[in-house]
Protein backbone atom coordinates (compact mmCIF):
# COMPACT_ATOMS: atom_id res chain seq x y z
CA MET A 1 9.86 15.66 -21.58
CA GLN A 2 6.34 15.02 -20.22
CA LYS A 3 4.25 11.97 -21.01
CA SER A 4 1.53 14.20 -22.41
CA GLN A 5 3.99 15.82 -24.77
CA ILE A 6 4.74 12.50 -26.47
CA GLY A 7 1.25 11.02 -26.18
CA ALA A 8 2.40 8.11 -23.98
CA GLY A 9 0.94 6.48 -20.93
CA SER A 10 4.33 5.23 -19.77
CA VAL A 11 7.98 6.07 -20.43
CA ALA A 12 11.39 4.57 -19.56
CA LEU A 13 14.98 5.59 -20.11
CA SER A 14 17.72 3.11 -21.01
CA ALA A 15 20.53 2.50 -18.56
CA ASP A 16 23.02 4.36 -20.75
CA GLY A 17 20.64 7.27 -21.21
CA ARG A 18 20.62 7.07 -25.00
CA TYR A 19 17.14 5.67 -25.62
CA LEU A 20 13.62 6.40 -24.50
CA LEU A 21 10.70 3.98 -24.51
CA THR A 22 7.06 5.07 -24.70
CA GLY A 23 4.10 2.83 -24.03
CA GLU A 24 1.04 4.19 -25.86
CA LYS A 25 -2.73 3.99 -25.67
CA ASP A 26 -2.98 2.31 -29.09
CA GLY A 27 -0.94 -0.67 -27.82
CA HIS A 28 2.28 0.36 -29.59
CA ILE A 29 5.66 0.79 -27.92
CA ARG A 30 8.14 3.25 -29.49
CA LEU A 31 11.91 3.31 -29.11
CA LEU A 32 13.14 6.87 -29.42
CA ASP A 33 16.54 8.54 -29.59
CA ALA A 34 16.59 10.35 -26.27
CA ALA A 35 18.57 13.31 -27.57
CA SER A 36 16.57 14.03 -30.71
CA GLY A 37 13.23 12.39 -30.07
CA LEU A 38 13.49 10.53 -33.38
CA ALA A 39 11.52 7.26 -33.51
CA LEU A 40 13.90 4.35 -34.13
CA ARG A 41 11.66 1.37 -33.80
CA VAL A 42 8.01 0.38 -33.09
CA PHE A 43 7.09 -2.74 -31.09
CA GLU A 44 3.71 -4.05 -32.16
CA GLY A 45 1.63 -6.82 -30.56
CA HIS A 46 -0.33 -5.57 -27.55
CA GLY A 47 -4.08 -5.28 -28.07
CA ALA A 48 -4.72 -2.48 -25.60
CA GLU A 49 -3.04 0.47 -23.83
CA VAL A 50 0.49 -0.17 -22.66
CA GLY A 51 0.61 0.99 -19.05
CA SER A 52 4.18 0.14 -18.18
CA VAL A 53 7.47 -0.22 -20.06
CA SER A 54 11.08 -0.78 -18.97
CA PHE A 55 14.49 -1.85 -20.18
CA ASP A 56 16.32 -4.79 -18.51
CA ALA A 57 19.50 -3.84 -16.68
CA ARG A 58 21.67 -4.51 -19.77
CA ASP A 59 19.33 -2.82 -22.28
CA ARG A 60 18.82 -6.10 -24.15
CA PHE A 61 15.09 -6.43 -23.61
CA VAL A 62 11.99 -4.29 -23.37
CA VAL A 63 9.43 -5.48 -20.83
CA SER A 64 5.93 -4.16 -21.26
CA GLY A 65 2.62 -4.53 -19.42
CA SER A 66 -0.72 -3.87 -21.06
CA ALA A 67 -4.43 -3.68 -20.36
CA ASP A 68 -4.77 -6.70 -22.65
CA GLY A 69 -3.72 -8.78 -19.64
CA THR A 70 -0.26 -9.74 -20.91
CA THR A 71 3.33 -8.89 -20.06
CA ARG A 72 5.58 -9.12 -23.09
CA LEU A 73 9.31 -9.35 -23.65
CA TRP A 74 10.85 -7.78 -26.76
CA ASP A 75 14.27 -7.76 -28.40
CA VAL A 76 15.59 -4.17 -28.34
CA ALA A 77 17.87 -4.74 -31.32
CA THR A 78 15.25 -6.11 -33.71
CA GLY A 79 11.88 -5.14 -32.26
CA ASP A 80 10.76 -8.80 -32.28
CA GLU A 81 8.36 -10.04 -29.67
CA LEU A 82 10.11 -12.82 -27.78
CA CYS A 83 7.29 -14.05 -25.52
CA SER A 84 4.05 -13.20 -23.83
CA ILE A 85 3.34 -13.88 -20.17
CA MET A 86 -0.15 -14.35 -18.67
CA GLN A 87 -1.04 -14.81 -15.02
CA PHE A 88 -4.32 -16.01 -13.52
CA SER A 89 -5.44 -16.05 -9.89
CA GLY A 90 -2.28 -14.37 -8.63
CA ASP A 91 0.97 -16.29 -9.24
CA ALA A 92 -0.53 -19.79 -8.99
CA GLU A 93 -1.55 -20.10 -12.64
CA TRP A 94 0.64 -18.79 -15.44
CA LEU A 95 1.52 -19.30 -19.08
CA VAL A 96 4.37 -18.18 -21.34
CA THR A 97 3.98 -18.37 -25.11
CA THR A 98 6.15 -17.39 -28.07
CA PRO A 99 5.00 -16.17 -31.49
CA GLN A 100 6.22 -19.47 -32.90
CA GLY A 101 3.81 -21.42 -30.67
CA LEU A 102 6.08 -22.67 -27.92
CA PHE A 103 4.57 -22.58 -24.45
CA ALA A 104 5.26 -23.38 -20.80
CA GLY A 105 3.04 -22.96 -17.77
CA SER A 106 0.83 -24.46 -15.10
CA ASP A 107 -1.55 -27.30 -16.00
CA SER A 108 -4.72 -25.31 -15.57
CA ALA A 109 -3.45 -22.28 -17.47
CA ARG A 110 -2.59 -24.50 -20.43
CA GLU A 111 -6.28 -25.32 -20.74
CA LYS A 112 -7.43 -21.71 -20.21
CA VAL A 113 -5.40 -20.13 -23.04
CA TRP A 114 -6.45 -21.05 -26.53
CA TYR A 115 -4.91 -20.66 -29.97
CA ARG A 116 -7.16 -19.42 -32.79
CA PHE A 117 -6.22 -19.96 -36.45
CA GLN A 118 -7.88 -20.18 -39.86
CA ALA A 119 -7.59 -23.95 -40.19
CA SER A 120 -10.07 -24.50 -37.38
CA PRO A 121 -13.31 -22.58 -36.81
CA ASN A 122 -13.00 -23.11 -33.07
CA PRO A 123 -10.15 -22.03 -30.78
CA VAL A 124 -7.97 -24.85 -29.40
CA PRO A 125 -6.36 -25.06 -25.92
CA VAL A 126 -2.58 -24.72 -26.21
CA ASP A 127 -2.16 -27.95 -24.30
CA ARG A 128 -3.46 -29.86 -27.35
CA PHE A 129 -0.07 -29.15 -28.94
CA PHE A 130 1.95 -30.47 -26.00
CA GLN A 131 4.07 -32.98 -27.91
CA ASP A 132 5.94 -30.50 -30.15
CA PHE A 133 5.41 -27.12 -28.50
CA TYR A 134 5.68 -27.60 -24.72
CA TYR A 135 9.05 -26.20 -23.61
CA PRO A 136 9.83 -26.30 -19.88
CA GLY A 137 12.05 -23.40 -18.78
CA LEU A 138 10.97 -21.34 -21.78
CA LEU A 139 11.15 -17.91 -20.07
CA ALA A 140 14.48 -18.66 -18.40
CA ALA A 141 15.98 -19.75 -21.77
CA ILE A 142 14.82 -16.55 -23.48
CA TRP A 143 16.16 -14.41 -20.63
CA ARG A 144 19.55 -16.10 -21.01
CA GLY A 145 19.58 -14.92 -24.60
CA GLU A 146 18.53 -18.18 -26.28
CA ARG A 147 15.87 -18.21 -29.01
CA PRO A 148 14.11 -21.58 -28.69
CA MET A 149 12.34 -22.78 -31.81
CA PRO A 150 9.89 -25.63 -32.13
CA ALA A 151 10.96 -28.80 -33.96
CA ALA A 152 7.77 -28.61 -36.03
CA ASP A 153 6.31 -25.84 -38.16
CA PHE A 154 3.06 -24.63 -36.60
CA SER A 155 1.66 -23.50 -39.96
CA GLU A 156 2.00 -27.05 -41.29
CA ILE A 157 0.54 -28.71 -38.16
CA VAL A 158 -2.62 -26.71 -38.19
CA GLU A 159 -3.38 -27.89 -41.72
CA ASN A 160 -3.49 -31.49 -40.44
CA LYS A 161 -6.42 -31.56 -38.04
CA PRO A 162 -6.75 -34.44 -35.53
CA PRO A 163 -9.57 -36.94 -35.69
CA THR A 164 -12.92 -36.41 -34.01
CA LEU A 165 -14.10 -38.85 -31.33
CA GLU A 166 -17.68 -39.91 -30.65
CA ILE A 167 -18.76 -42.54 -28.16
CA VAL A 168 -21.57 -44.41 -29.90
CA SER A 169 -22.13 -47.19 -27.34
CA PRO A 170 -23.25 -46.95 -24.63
CA LYS A 171 -25.02 -43.66 -25.32
CA GLN A 172 -24.62 -42.54 -21.74
CA GLY A 173 -22.99 -43.60 -18.51
CA GLY A 174 -24.61 -44.19 -15.17
CA GLU A 175 -24.86 -47.01 -12.62
CA VAL A 176 -23.70 -50.50 -13.54
CA ASP A 177 -23.27 -53.73 -11.65
CA ALA A 178 -20.50 -55.34 -13.64
CA GLY A 179 -16.83 -56.05 -13.67
CA GLU A 180 -16.34 -54.44 -17.08
CA VAL A 181 -17.95 -52.34 -19.80
CA THR A 182 -17.66 -52.36 -23.53
CA ILE A 183 -17.30 -48.99 -25.25
CA ALA A 184 -17.54 -48.34 -28.99
CA VAL A 185 -16.03 -45.14 -30.38
CA ASN A 186 -16.24 -43.66 -33.87
CA VAL A 187 -12.92 -42.11 -34.91
CA THR A 188 -13.12 -39.87 -37.93
CA ASP A 189 -10.04 -38.71 -39.84
CA GLN A 190 -10.12 -34.93 -40.42
CA GLY A 191 -7.12 -34.92 -42.71
CA GLY A 192 -4.22 -35.30 -40.31
CA GLY A 193 -4.37 -39.06 -39.90
CA ILE A 194 -5.06 -40.95 -36.69
CA ALA A 195 -2.92 -41.86 -33.70
CA GLY A 196 -4.87 -43.93 -31.17
CA PRO A 197 -7.42 -43.91 -29.76
CA PHE A 198 -6.19 -44.41 -26.23
CA VAL A 199 -8.18 -45.08 -23.06
CA ARG A 200 -7.73 -43.58 -19.57
CA LEU A 201 -9.54 -44.94 -16.52
CA ASN A 202 -9.63 -42.44 -13.70
CA GLY A 203 -6.67 -40.65 -15.29
CA GLN A 204 -4.52 -43.74 -15.74
CA LYS A 205 -3.63 -44.70 -19.32
CA LEU A 206 -4.47 -48.30 -20.10
CA LYS A 207 -2.90 -50.59 -22.68
CA LEU A 208 -5.86 -52.42 -24.23
CA LEU A 209 -6.37 -54.50 -27.34
CA PRO A 210 -9.41 -53.11 -29.16
CA THR A 211 -11.32 -54.40 -32.16
CA VAL A 212 -11.36 -52.09 -35.17
CA GLU A 213 -13.91 -51.88 -38.00
CA GLN A 214 -13.62 -49.44 -40.93
CA THR A 215 -17.17 -48.09 -41.39
CA ASN A 216 -16.38 -45.79 -44.31
CA LYS A 217 -13.42 -44.07 -45.98
CA THR A 218 -12.68 -41.75 -43.08
CA THR A 219 -14.31 -43.35 -40.03
CA ARG A 220 -13.35 -46.42 -38.07
CA ARG A 221 -15.24 -47.87 -35.14
CA VAL A 222 -13.01 -48.95 -32.27
CA THR A 223 -14.38 -51.11 -29.48
CA PHE A 224 -12.69 -51.45 -26.04
CA THR A 225 -13.53 -53.65 -23.10
CA VAL A 226 -12.54 -51.82 -19.89
CA ALA A 227 -12.30 -53.52 -16.52
CA LEU A 228 -13.92 -51.26 -13.88
CA GLY A 229 -12.86 -50.40 -10.42
CA GLU A 230 -15.23 -49.71 -7.53
CA ALA A 231 -17.49 -46.69 -7.32
CA GLN A 232 -16.65 -43.87 -9.74
CA ASN A 233 -15.06 -44.85 -13.10
CA ARG A 234 -14.20 -41.90 -15.36
CA ILE A 235 -13.30 -43.14 -18.82
CA ARG A 236 -11.67 -40.77 -21.23
CA ILE A 237 -10.93 -41.57 -24.90
CA GLU A 238 -8.05 -39.70 -26.46
CA ALA A 239 -6.50 -39.51 -29.94
CA ALA A 240 -4.26 -37.26 -32.00
CA SER A 241 -3.18 -36.56 -35.55
CA LYS A 242 -1.01 -39.33 -36.96
CA ASP A 243 2.27 -37.68 -35.94
CA GLY A 244 0.92 -36.82 -32.48
CA SER A 245 1.38 -33.10 -32.96
CA TRP A 246 -2.29 -32.09 -32.46
CA GLU A 247 -4.44 -33.84 -29.84
CA SER A 248 -8.17 -34.42 -30.39
CA GLU A 249 -10.92 -33.07 -28.15
CA PRO A 250 -11.38 -36.12 -25.84
CA ALA A 251 -14.61 -38.03 -25.44
CA THR A 252 -15.65 -38.95 -21.91
CA ILE A 253 -18.14 -41.17 -20.16
CA GLN A 254 -18.58 -42.00 -16.47
CA PHE A 255 -19.98 -45.08 -14.68
CA THR A 256 -20.73 -45.76 -11.04
CA ASN A 257 -19.94 -49.35 -10.42
CA LEU A 258 -22.24 -50.97 -7.79
CA LYS A 259 -20.44 -54.31 -7.91
CA GLN A 260 -18.55 -55.14 -4.74
CA LEU A 261 -14.99 -55.92 -5.69
CA PRO A 262 -12.37 -57.85 -3.73
CA ARG A 263 -10.06 -55.82 -1.51
CA PRO A 264 -7.22 -54.21 -3.46
CA ASN A 265 -3.65 -55.49 -3.53
CA LEU A 266 -0.46 -53.45 -3.41
CA TYR A 267 2.33 -54.22 -5.83
CA VAL A 268 5.73 -52.66 -5.18
CA VAL A 269 8.63 -52.70 -7.68
CA ALA A 270 11.80 -51.38 -6.07
CA ILE A 271 14.76 -50.88 -8.47
CA GLY A 272 18.19 -49.82 -7.20
CA VAL A 273 21.59 -49.97 -8.89
CA ASN A 274 24.81 -49.53 -6.88
CA GLN A 275 26.93 -51.84 -9.02
CA TYR A 276 27.22 -51.05 -12.73
CA ALA A 277 28.97 -53.00 -15.46
CA SER A 278 31.37 -50.03 -15.56
CA ASP A 279 32.84 -49.67 -12.10
CA SER A 280 33.35 -45.92 -12.57
CA MET A 281 29.53 -45.57 -12.53
CA ASN A 282 29.04 -47.26 -9.15
CA LEU A 283 26.93 -45.58 -6.44
CA GLY A 284 26.75 -45.98 -2.70
CA PHE A 285 23.13 -45.87 -1.64
CA ALA A 286 20.88 -46.56 -4.63
CA ARG A 287 20.36 -50.22 -3.60
CA THR A 288 19.91 -49.24 0.05
CA ASP A 289 17.24 -46.73 -0.99
CA ALA A 290 15.32 -49.34 -3.00
CA GLU A 291 15.44 -51.87 -0.19
CA ALA A 292 14.36 -49.31 2.42
CA VAL A 293 11.32 -48.28 0.36
CA ALA A 294 10.45 -51.95 -0.29
CA ASP A 295 10.76 -52.71 3.43
CA LEU A 296 8.63 -49.70 4.29
CA PHE A 297 5.66 -50.79 2.21
CA GLU A 298 6.11 -54.42 3.13
CA SER A 299 5.91 -53.67 6.86
CA ARG A 300 3.40 -50.78 6.92
CA ALA A 301 0.84 -51.49 4.17
CA ALA A 302 -0.56 -54.90 5.22
CA SER A 303 -3.56 -53.42 7.05
CA LEU A 304 -4.64 -51.39 4.01
CA TYR A 305 -4.49 -54.13 1.40
CA ASP A 306 -5.56 -57.73 0.97
CA LYS A 307 -2.04 -58.58 -0.15
CA VAL A 308 1.26 -56.74 -0.39
CA GLU A 309 3.59 -58.13 -3.08
CA VAL A 310 7.09 -56.64 -3.24
CA HIS A 311 9.56 -57.17 -6.09
CA ARG A 312 13.14 -56.10 -5.54
CA LEU A 313 15.35 -55.65 -8.60
CA VAL A 314 18.76 -54.57 -7.33
CA ASP A 315 22.22 -54.42 -8.90
CA GLU A 316 22.65 -57.28 -11.42
CA GLN A 317 18.89 -58.05 -11.31
CA ALA A 318 18.06 -54.49 -12.43
CA THR A 319 18.47 -55.01 -16.17
CA ALA A 320 16.22 -53.46 -18.80
CA ALA A 321 15.00 -56.93 -19.83
CA ASN A 322 14.04 -57.87 -16.23
CA ILE A 323 12.29 -54.57 -15.62
CA GLN A 324 10.32 -54.87 -18.86
CA MET A 325 9.37 -58.50 -18.19
CA LEU A 326 8.23 -57.81 -14.63
CA LEU A 327 5.91 -54.99 -15.72
CA THR A 328 4.66 -56.22 -19.11
CA ASP A 329 4.71 -59.98 -19.38
CA PRO A 330 1.07 -61.24 -19.34
CA SER A 331 1.96 -64.68 -17.94
CA THR A 332 4.72 -64.00 -15.40
CA GLY A 333 4.63 -60.24 -14.90
CA LEU A 334 2.30 -57.74 -13.28
CA ALA A 335 0.39 -57.04 -16.47
CA GLY A 336 -1.42 -60.42 -16.12
CA LYS A 337 -2.33 -60.27 -12.45
CA VAL A 338 -2.97 -56.67 -11.38
CA ARG A 339 -6.61 -55.47 -11.30
CA PRO A 340 -8.07 -51.95 -11.69
CA GLN A 341 -8.66 -51.61 -7.94
CA ASP A 342 -5.02 -52.45 -7.12
CA THR A 343 -2.14 -50.04 -6.54
CA LEU A 344 1.31 -50.06 -8.17
CA VAL A 345 4.34 -48.35 -6.65
CA LEU A 346 7.48 -48.13 -8.81
CA PHE A 347 10.67 -46.92 -7.15
CA VAL A 348 13.74 -46.28 -9.28
CA SER A 349 17.18 -45.36 -7.93
CA GLY A 350 20.48 -45.18 -9.85
CA HIS A 351 21.96 -43.12 -12.61
CA GLY A 352 19.87 -41.15 -15.03
CA PHE A 353 20.71 -38.84 -17.89
CA THR A 354 18.81 -36.30 -19.95
CA ILE A 355 19.50 -35.84 -23.68
CA GLY A 356 17.56 -33.06 -25.27
CA GLN A 357 14.03 -33.38 -23.89
CA ARG A 358 14.31 -37.14 -23.19
CA TYR A 359 15.31 -38.67 -19.84
CA TYR A 360 16.99 -42.11 -19.58
CA PHE A 361 17.39 -44.41 -16.57
CA LEU A 362 20.61 -46.40 -16.78
CA PRO A 363 20.17 -50.06 -15.81
CA HIS A 364 22.85 -52.33 -14.37
CA GLU A 365 24.23 -53.49 -17.76
CA PHE A 366 25.03 -49.95 -18.92
CA THR A 367 28.61 -49.53 -20.05
CA LYS A 368 30.55 -46.63 -21.54
CA ASP A 369 31.65 -48.43 -24.70
CA SER A 370 32.04 -45.62 -27.21
CA ALA A 371 33.77 -42.27 -27.29
CA ASN A 372 30.36 -40.63 -27.23
CA PHE A 373 28.61 -41.06 -23.91
CA GLU A 374 25.25 -39.87 -25.27
CA ASP A 375 25.32 -42.62 -27.93
CA ASP A 376 25.83 -45.17 -25.12
CA VAL A 377 22.90 -43.69 -23.20
CA ARG A 378 20.62 -43.85 -26.24
CA ALA A 379 21.65 -47.45 -26.93
CA GLU A 380 21.41 -48.91 -23.43
CA GLY A 381 19.36 -46.51 -21.28
CA ILE A 382 15.64 -46.84 -20.67
CA PRO A 383 13.85 -43.75 -21.90
CA SER A 384 11.20 -42.39 -19.51
CA ASP A 385 8.57 -42.63 -22.23
CA VAL A 386 9.40 -46.28 -22.79
CA LEU A 387 9.27 -46.89 -19.07
CA GLY A 388 5.87 -45.17 -19.08
CA ASP A 389 4.67 -47.48 -21.83
CA TRP A 390 5.70 -50.48 -19.73
CA ILE A 391 3.86 -49.01 -16.76
CA SER A 392 0.68 -48.67 -18.86
CA SER A 393 0.67 -52.48 -19.22
CA VAL A 394 -0.18 -52.75 -15.54
CA PRO A 395 -3.97 -52.10 -15.29
CA ALA A 396 -3.92 -50.57 -11.77
CA THR A 397 -5.85 -47.31 -11.54
CA LYS A 398 -3.54 -46.05 -8.81
CA ARG A 399 0.09 -45.83 -9.91
CA ILE A 400 2.91 -44.09 -8.05
CA VAL A 401 6.39 -43.53 -9.52
CA ILE A 402 9.36 -42.36 -7.44
CA MET A 403 12.65 -41.60 -9.21
CA ASP A 404 15.66 -40.76 -7.04
CA THR A 405 18.44 -40.68 -9.64
CA CYS A 406 21.54 -38.69 -10.46
CA ASN A 407 23.72 -37.84 -13.38
CA SER A 408 27.25 -39.21 -13.56
CA GLY A 409 29.71 -36.43 -12.90
CA ALA A 410 32.25 -38.13 -15.18
CA ALA A 411 29.65 -38.35 -17.88
CA ILE A 412 28.93 -34.63 -17.67
CA GLU A 413 32.64 -33.91 -18.01
CA GLN A 414 32.82 -36.21 -21.06
CA VAL A 415 29.78 -34.66 -22.73
CA GLY A 416 31.27 -31.25 -22.08
CA ARG A 417 28.14 -29.29 -21.18
CA THR A 418 26.19 -28.40 -18.10
CA ARG A 419 23.01 -30.15 -17.16
CA ASN A 420 19.71 -28.50 -18.02
CA PRO A 421 17.32 -29.07 -15.08
CA PHE A 422 14.35 -27.87 -17.13
CA ALA A 423 14.85 -30.70 -19.65
CA PHE A 424 14.65 -33.21 -16.82
CA ASP A 425 11.55 -31.51 -15.42
CA GLY A 426 9.95 -31.66 -18.84
CA ALA A 427 10.71 -35.36 -19.33
CA ILE A 428 9.21 -36.24 -15.95
CA GLU A 429 6.16 -34.07 -16.60
CA ARG A 430 5.67 -35.86 -19.91
CA LEU A 431 5.77 -39.22 -18.11
CA GLY A 432 3.14 -38.09 -15.61
CA ARG A 433 0.97 -36.51 -18.26
CA ALA A 434 1.16 -39.37 -20.70
CA GLN A 435 0.38 -42.11 -18.18
CA GLY A 436 -1.65 -40.25 -15.58
CA VAL A 437 0.61 -41.44 -12.77
CA PHE A 438 1.67 -39.70 -9.56
CA VAL A 439 5.36 -38.92 -10.10
CA ILE A 440 8.00 -37.40 -7.84
CA ALA A 441 11.58 -37.25 -9.08
CA ALA A 442 14.97 -35.79 -8.26
CA ALA A 443 18.07 -35.86 -10.50
CA PRO A 444 20.91 -33.82 -9.06
CA ALA A 445 23.94 -33.22 -11.24
CA THR A 446 26.30 -35.68 -9.51
CA ALA A 447 26.30 -38.67 -7.19
CA ASP A 448 27.82 -36.46 -4.44
CA ALA A 449 24.75 -34.25 -4.65
CA ARG A 450 22.43 -37.18 -4.46
CA GLU A 451 23.99 -39.25 -1.67
CA VAL A 452 24.82 -37.85 1.78
CA GLN A 453 26.98 -40.13 3.91
CA ASP A 454 25.52 -38.93 7.17
CA LEU A 455 22.06 -39.98 6.06
CA GLY A 456 22.86 -43.22 4.29
CA HIS A 457 20.33 -42.42 1.60
CA GLY A 458 19.64 -40.23 -1.34
CA LEU A 459 18.08 -36.95 -0.18
CA LEU A 460 14.70 -37.57 -1.84
CA THR A 461 14.52 -41.09 -0.45
CA TYR A 462 15.57 -39.95 2.99
CA THR A 463 12.86 -37.31 3.03
CA LEU A 464 10.14 -39.69 1.88
CA LEU A 465 11.16 -42.17 4.60
CA ALA A 466 11.23 -39.44 7.23
CA GLY A 467 7.76 -38.24 6.25
CA LEU A 468 6.42 -41.67 7.28
CA LYS A 469 8.55 -41.84 10.49
CA ALA A 470 10.97 -44.30 8.93
CA ALA A 471 14.21 -42.30 9.31
CA ASP A 472 16.41 -43.17 12.23
CA SER A 473 18.87 -40.28 11.98
CA GLY A 474 19.49 -36.94 10.44
CA PRO A 475 17.68 -33.59 10.71
CA LEU A 476 14.25 -35.10 9.96
CA ARG A 477 14.32 -38.00 12.41
CA GLN A 478 11.69 -36.25 14.64
CA ARG A 479 9.80 -34.55 11.83
CA SER A 480 7.12 -36.27 9.87
CA ILE A 481 3.86 -35.57 8.08
CA SER A 482 1.20 -34.17 10.36
CA THR A 483 -2.42 -34.99 9.59
CA ASP A 484 -5.71 -33.87 11.02
CA ASP A 485 -6.56 -37.45 11.96
CA PRO A 486 -3.51 -39.54 12.96
CA ALA A 487 -5.59 -42.70 12.58
CA GLN A 488 -5.98 -42.07 8.82
CA PRO A 489 -3.24 -43.08 6.39
CA VAL A 490 -1.16 -40.41 4.73
CA SER A 491 -2.30 -39.64 1.14
CA VAL A 492 0.10 -39.71 -1.83
CA ASN A 493 -0.38 -35.95 -2.28
CA GLN A 494 0.53 -35.30 1.38
CA TRP A 495 3.59 -37.54 1.08
CA PHE A 496 4.87 -35.94 -2.13
CA ASP A 497 4.05 -32.38 -0.91
CA PHE A 498 6.09 -33.03 2.20
CA ALA A 499 9.07 -34.11 0.09
CA SER A 500 8.68 -31.22 -2.38
CA GLU A 501 8.66 -28.67 0.45
CA THR A 502 11.49 -30.30 2.44
CA VAL A 503 14.06 -31.57 -0.06
CA PRO A 504 15.23 -28.10 -1.26
CA SER A 505 16.21 -27.07 2.27
CA LEU A 506 18.11 -30.35 2.77
CA TYR A 507 20.11 -29.73 -0.38
CA LYS A 508 20.84 -26.23 0.89
CA LEU A 509 21.88 -27.62 4.28
CA TYR A 510 24.23 -30.28 2.95
CA LEU A 511 25.35 -28.93 -0.38
CA GLY A 512 24.95 -25.16 -0.14
CA THR A 513 22.40 -24.81 -2.94
CA ALA A 514 18.72 -25.66 -3.20
CA GLN A 515 17.43 -28.36 -5.57
CA ASP A 516 13.77 -28.68 -6.40
CA VAL A 517 11.97 -32.01 -6.92
């Protein structure tokens, strides 16, 4: 049978030879009985000619490519579209969406692809629906045969529009010679209620105490005082519908601060737990990792900062209460002393566990009290979003978070399911996105996969130390980050890129399988 005979631009035969696919110029895909030519099913969704079609190896899915710029995955049995895949600039930028509104993809692609619906006259970037519809590992889950569904109903969400934001004072940014600025914002309810507003300074989320005045039934005026750093200060005001499901279009203003500020300080919080309240949870190198990172900054950073202040919370000191107090207490903690020009480094090493889309760090006092390990984690673990909220109390505009944690192998056996790496990735991405922090994290499935006796460290920590020439042994002892100018300090991006590129090969070397960070 020729393509021209069936009016198709592309054809494919199923693995068992029973079915024929045709991709057609009108955007339709037809499933035919190969013997009789009888049409069994029509796949509808493409907006232009379908130039390629194929079955997967098990004849479960139809994969189609179209001139509309999308590749789509379909269920052979039902004809349902499962997802749409878009790529931009080669493979670097990509996005996967489902008809129900779920999405996953690169940061820039999430701003380039927009949803259009009747409730709003203007299209909206998919990233505005991050809270309820971002689903890391979406394509992999669908390919495994899962059918992920959002926790919220998209049709209900789009009826509850987020508030609008308008900066009313000052009218414009520009040059200032001051330690702080006062910004007034009108926040107008569009029917979906109001969450926020929130303030970011140079990408970092700040925890501020605004004054609020209700100007009319739907509009409130919110006034913030923002301490400025040196030079460029990009201030972004954000809000969302009351339930957080739909984010507002942000309002932005920028100032160039001419005021000469004191030299910055560096604050390091190094948390490491070897000894748990439950001995079965104990680790070998988490405390060593925390102390090594603390020592590294203490010995190397003095020339770059006016002061380097290191706080070590290890073993019995690493309780949830102590961590919270150190970060958030305005009188004794970092919240009351750190300035915008300062830098915060938070290092966390110990056990972690992911439940659903939420990641928990397990502090020293964690015990397995109940028959249900997940209940214990929820009760005593520190969720990554709560940790992020504590971090936002520290007003530094440069914040770095390193998490070298692992799941408990015994816990995984008790829970009775395999670990989902995409859920961990999503939780860490949510932390970075919500707070605007630099984050690098690793969470292998067991302590054995985290800690290598020959190295004396977790693999992520070892790699980060080696990148700055602080590893005395192992395969990276003579390998470090190379820079164009050795006299210049290594940037955070260079440091994290080195670890991201190197750690997978170390896992492969020691454990036989690669692990991304």
